[in-house]
């Protein structure tokens, strides 16, 4: 059994203003990728779905859900949707100043350890 914080609903539970189809898309994403969209993020999910729908020329969330689950292109489209709802880039230690700072700290620490030995 999966537990969710009280501020979010479990997959299958519908937010008061959420479209049932949007909730089904949210649940599909959770089943396939383990990414859970809390109720307060459903607006963002809907925007991302609408971007994909525009690219594909799809007018309704229901048709888009069918595209994700039934149509031959479902696998490719699911990957495309996951790409637009996830952040694919991090900036952890990519800045030269950050790398120089961590190198300086590491050198000091290693010299201190060497001096103790």
C-alpha atoms as a PDB file:
ATOM      1  CA  UNK A   1       0.000   0.000   0.000  1.00  0.00           C
ATOM      2  CA  UNK A   2       1.366   3.406  -0.993  1.00  0.00           C
ATOM      3  CA  UNK A   3       0.983   6.321   1.399  1.00  0.00           C
ATOM      4  CA  UNK A   4       0.622   9.896   0.211  1.00  0.00           C
ATOM      5  CA  UNK A   5       0.929  13.065   2.289  1.00  0.00           C
ATOM      6  CA  UNK A   6      -2.387  14.415   3.485  1.00  0.00           C
ATOM      7  CA  UNK A   7      -2.006  17.413   1.154  1.00  0.00           C
ATOM      8  CA  UNK A   8      -2.240  15.180  -1.924  1.00  0.00           C
ATOM      9  CA  UNK A   9      -4.653  12.532  -3.095  1.00  0.00           C
ATOM     10  CA  UNK A  10      -3.770   8.993  -4.023  1.00  0.00           C
ATOM     11  CA  UNK A  11      -3.945   7.993  -7.684  1.00  0.00           C
ATOM     12  CA  UNK A  12      -7.567   7.504  -8.644  1.00  0.00           C
ATOM     13  CA  UNK A  13      -8.839  10.155  -6.234  1.00  0.00           C
ATOM     14  CA  UNK A  14     -10.209  13.155  -8.060  1.00  0.00           C
ATOM     15  CA  UNK A  15      -9.430  16.711  -7.045  1.00  0.00           C
ATOM     16  CA  UNK A  16     -12.576  18.814  -6.556  1.00  0.00           C
ATOM     17  CA  UNK A  17     -12.048  20.793  -9.784  1.00  0.00           C
ATOM     18  CA  UNK A  18      -9.984  18.267 -11.764  1.00  0.00           C
ATOM     19  CA  UNK A  19     -11.249  16.708 -14.943  1.00  0.00           C
ATOM     20  CA  UNK A  20     -11.722  12.942 -14.520  1.00  0.00           C
ATOM     21  CA  UNK A  21      -9.706  12.425 -17.734  1.00  0.00           C
ATOM     22  CA  UNK A  22      -6.870  14.581 -16.388  1.00  0.00           C
ATOM     23  CA  UNK A  23      -6.893  12.457 -13.249  1.00  0.00           C
ATOM     24  CA  UNK A  24      -6.656   9.328 -15.428  1.00  0.00           C
ATOM     25  CA  UNK A  25      -3.655  10.834 -17.237  1.00  0.00           C
ATOM     26  CA  UNK A  26      -2.090  11.654 -13.861  1.00  0.00           C
ATOM     27  CA  UNK A  27      -2.647   8.069 -12.717  1.00  0.00           C
ATOM     28  CA  UNK A  28      -1.214   6.675 -15.967  1.00  0.00           C
ATOM     29  CA  UNK A  29       1.951   8.734 -15.476  1.00  0.00           C
ATOM     30  CA  UNK A  30       2.211   7.412 -11.929  1.00  0.00           C
ATOM     31  CA  UNK A  31       1.770   3.783 -13.023  1.00  0.00           C
ATOM     32  CA  UNK A  32       4.256   4.040 -15.873  1.00  0.00           C
ATOM     33  CA  UNK A  33       6.923   6.343 -14.446  1.00  0.00           C
ATOM     34  CA  UNK A  34       6.286   6.562 -10.700  1.00  0.00           C
ATOM     35  CA  UNK A  35       5.826  10.331 -10.979  1.00  0.00           C
ATOM     36  CA  UNK A  36       2.922  11.539  -8.874  1.00  0.00           C
ATOM     37  CA  UNK A  37       1.332  14.890  -9.598  1.00  0.00           C
ATOM     38  CA  UNK A  38      -0.295  16.328  -6.472  1.00  0.00           C
ATOM     39  CA  UNK A  39      -3.647  18.059  -6.826  1.00  0.00           C
ATOM     40  CA  UNK A  40      -1.971  21.461  -6.656  1.00  0.00           C
ATOM     41  CA  UNK A  41       0.117  20.495  -9.723  1.00  0.00           C
ATOM     42  CA  UNK A  42      -2.775  19.352 -11.919  1.00  0.00           C
ATOM     43  CA  UNK A  43      -2.985  22.763 -13.586  1.00  0.00           C
ATOM     44  CA  UNK A  44       0.625  22.418 -14.676  1.00  0.00           C
ATOM     45  CA  UNK A  45      -0.040  18.889 -15.921  1.00  0.00           C
ATOM     46  CA  UNK A  46      -3.013  20.135 -17.910  1.00  0.00           C
ATOM     47  CA  UNK A  47      -0.880  22.881 -19.495  1.00  0.00           C
ATOM     48  CA  UNK A  48       1.767  20.339 -20.495  1.00  0.00           C
ATOM     49  CA  UNK A  49      -0.878  18.011 -21.932  1.00  0.00           C
ATOM     50  CA  UNK A  50      -2.335  20.916 -23.897  1.00  0.00           C
ATOM     51  CA  UNK A  51       1.101  21.664 -25.378  1.00  0.00           C
ATOM     52  CA  UNK A  52       1.341  18.082 -26.601  1.00  0.00           C
ATOM     53  CA  UNK A  53      -2.266  18.138 -27.807  1.00  0.00           C
ATOM     54  CA  UNK A  54      -1.517  21.257 -29.847  1.00  0.00           C
ATOM     55  CA  UNK A  55       1.505  19.582 -31.466  1.00  0.00           C
ATOM     56  CA  UNK A  56      -0.606  16.550 -32.342  1.00  0.00           C
ATOM     57  CA  UNK A  57      -3.711  18.483 -33.385  1.00  0.00           C
ATOM     58  CA  UNK A  58      -5.850  16.840 -30.687  1.00  0.00           C
ATOM     59  CA  UNK A  59      -8.803  18.843 -29.374  1.00  0.00           C
ATOM     60  CA  UNK A  60      -9.837  17.076 -26.168  1.00  0.00           C
ATOM     61  CA  UNK A  61      -8.207  15.501 -23.120  1.00  0.00           C
ATOM     62  CA  UNK A  62     -10.292  12.381 -23.755  1.00  0.00           C
ATOM     63  CA  UNK A  63      -8.783  12.014 -27.245  1.00  0.00           C
ATOM     64  CA  UNK A  64      -5.332  12.689 -25.831  1.00  0.00           C
ATOM     65  CA  UNK A  65      -5.833   9.984 -23.174  1.00  0.00           C
ATOM     66  CA  UNK A  66      -6.734   7.557 -25.977  1.00  0.00           C
ATOM     67  CA  UNK A  67      -3.553   8.625 -27.760  1.00  0.00           C
ATOM     68  CA  UNK A  68      -1.596   7.731 -24.601  1.00  0.00           C
ATOM     69  CA  UNK A  69      -3.305   4.393 -24.023  1.00  0.00           C
ATOM     70  CA  UNK A  70      -4.816   2.912 -27.187  1.00  0.00           C
ATOM     71  CA  UNK A  71      -3.298   4.352 -30.344  1.00  0.00           C
ATOM     72  CA  UNK A  72      -0.215   2.782 -31.967  1.00  0.00           C
ATOM     73  CA  UNK A  73       1.841   5.869 -31.122  1.00  0.00           C
ATOM     74  CA  UNK A  74       1.061   5.566 -27.399  1.00  0.00           C
ATOM     75  CA  UNK A  75       4.586   4.627 -26.296  1.00  0.00           C
ATOM     76  CA  UNK A  76       6.266   7.460 -28.198  1.00  0.00           C
ATOM     77  CA  UNK A  77       3.693   9.977 -27.026  1.00  0.00           C
ATOM     78  CA  UNK A  78       4.012   8.886 -23.415  1.00  0.00           C
ATOM     79  CA  UNK A  79       7.762   9.486 -23.663  1.00  0.00           C
ATOM     80  CA  UNK A  80       7.090  12.925 -25.186  1.00  0.00           C
ATOM     81  CA  UNK A  81       4.694  13.808 -22.370  1.00  0.00           C
ATOM     82  CA  UNK A  82       7.145  12.624 -19.724  1.00  0.00           C
ATOM     83  CA  UNK A  83       9.805  14.793 -21.344  1.00  0.00           C
ATOM     84  CA  UNK A  84       7.671  17.916 -20.989  1.00  0.00           C
ATOM     85  CA  UNK A  85       6.585  17.251 -17.397  1.00  0.00           C
ATOM     86  CA  UNK A  86      10.020  16.422 -16.024  1.00  0.00           C
ATOM     87  CA  UNK A  87      13.085  18.578 -15.563  1.00  0.00           C
ATOM     88  CA  UNK A  88      15.900  17.108 -17.597  1.00  0.00           C
ATOM     89  CA  UNK A  89      18.692  19.396 -16.495  1.00  0.00           C
ATOM     90  CA  UNK A  90      20.414  20.024 -13.206  1.00  0.00           C
ATOM     91  CA  UNK A  91      22.951  22.680 -12.344  1.00  0.00           C
ATOM     92  CA  UNK A  92      24.675  20.847  -9.506  1.00  0.00           C
ATOM     93  CA  UNK A  93      28.360  21.837  -9.589  1.00  0.00           C
ATOM     94  CA  UNK A  94      28.262  22.952 -13.216  1.00  0.00           C
ATOM     95  CA  UNK A  95      29.402  26.446 -12.403  1.00  0.00           C
ATOM     96  CA  UNK A  96      33.190  26.933 -12.524  1.00  0.00           C
ATOM     97  CA  UNK A  97      33.176  28.956  -9.290  1.00  0.00           C
ATOM     98  CA  UNK A  98      31.385  26.114  -7.494  1.00  0.00           C
ATOM     99  CA  UNK A  99      33.907  23.582  -8.738  1.00  0.00           C
ATOM    100  CA  UNK A 100      36.835  25.801  -7.673  1.00  0.00           C
ATOM    101  CA  UNK A 101      35.317  26.286  -4.207  1.00  0.00           C
ATOM    102  CA  UNK A 102      34.761  22.562  -3.594  1.00  0.00           C
ATOM    103  CA  UNK A 103      38.281  21.812  -4.850  1.00  0.00           C
ATOM    104  CA  UNK A 104      39.731  24.372  -2.417  1.00  0.00           C
ATOM    105  CA  UNK A 105      37.794  22.883   0.513  1.00  0.00           C
ATOM    106  CA  UNK A 106      38.819  19.347  -0.439  1.00  0.00           C
ATOM    107  CA  UNK A 107      42.490  20.289  -0.683  1.00  0.00           C
ATOM    108  CA  UNK A 108      42.447  22.005   2.727  1.00  0.00           C
ATOM    109  CA  UNK A 109      40.762  18.988   4.278  1.00  0.00           C
ATOM    110  CA  UNK A 110      43.221  16.544   2.713  1.00  0.00           C
ATOM    111  CA  UNK A 111      46.225  18.652   3.810  1.00  0.00           C
ATOM    112  CA  UNK A 112      44.854  18.845   7.353  1.00  0.00           C
ATOM    113  CA  UNK A 113      44.366  15.073   7.450  1.00  0.00           C
ATOM    114  CA  UNK A 114      47.880  14.546   6.078  1.00  0.00           C
ATOM    115  CA  UNK A 115      49.367  16.825   8.743  1.00  0.00           C
ATOM    116  CA  UNK A 116      47.614  14.815  11.491  1.00  0.00           C
ATOM    117  CA  UNK A 117      49.121  11.554  10.256  1.00  0.00           C
END
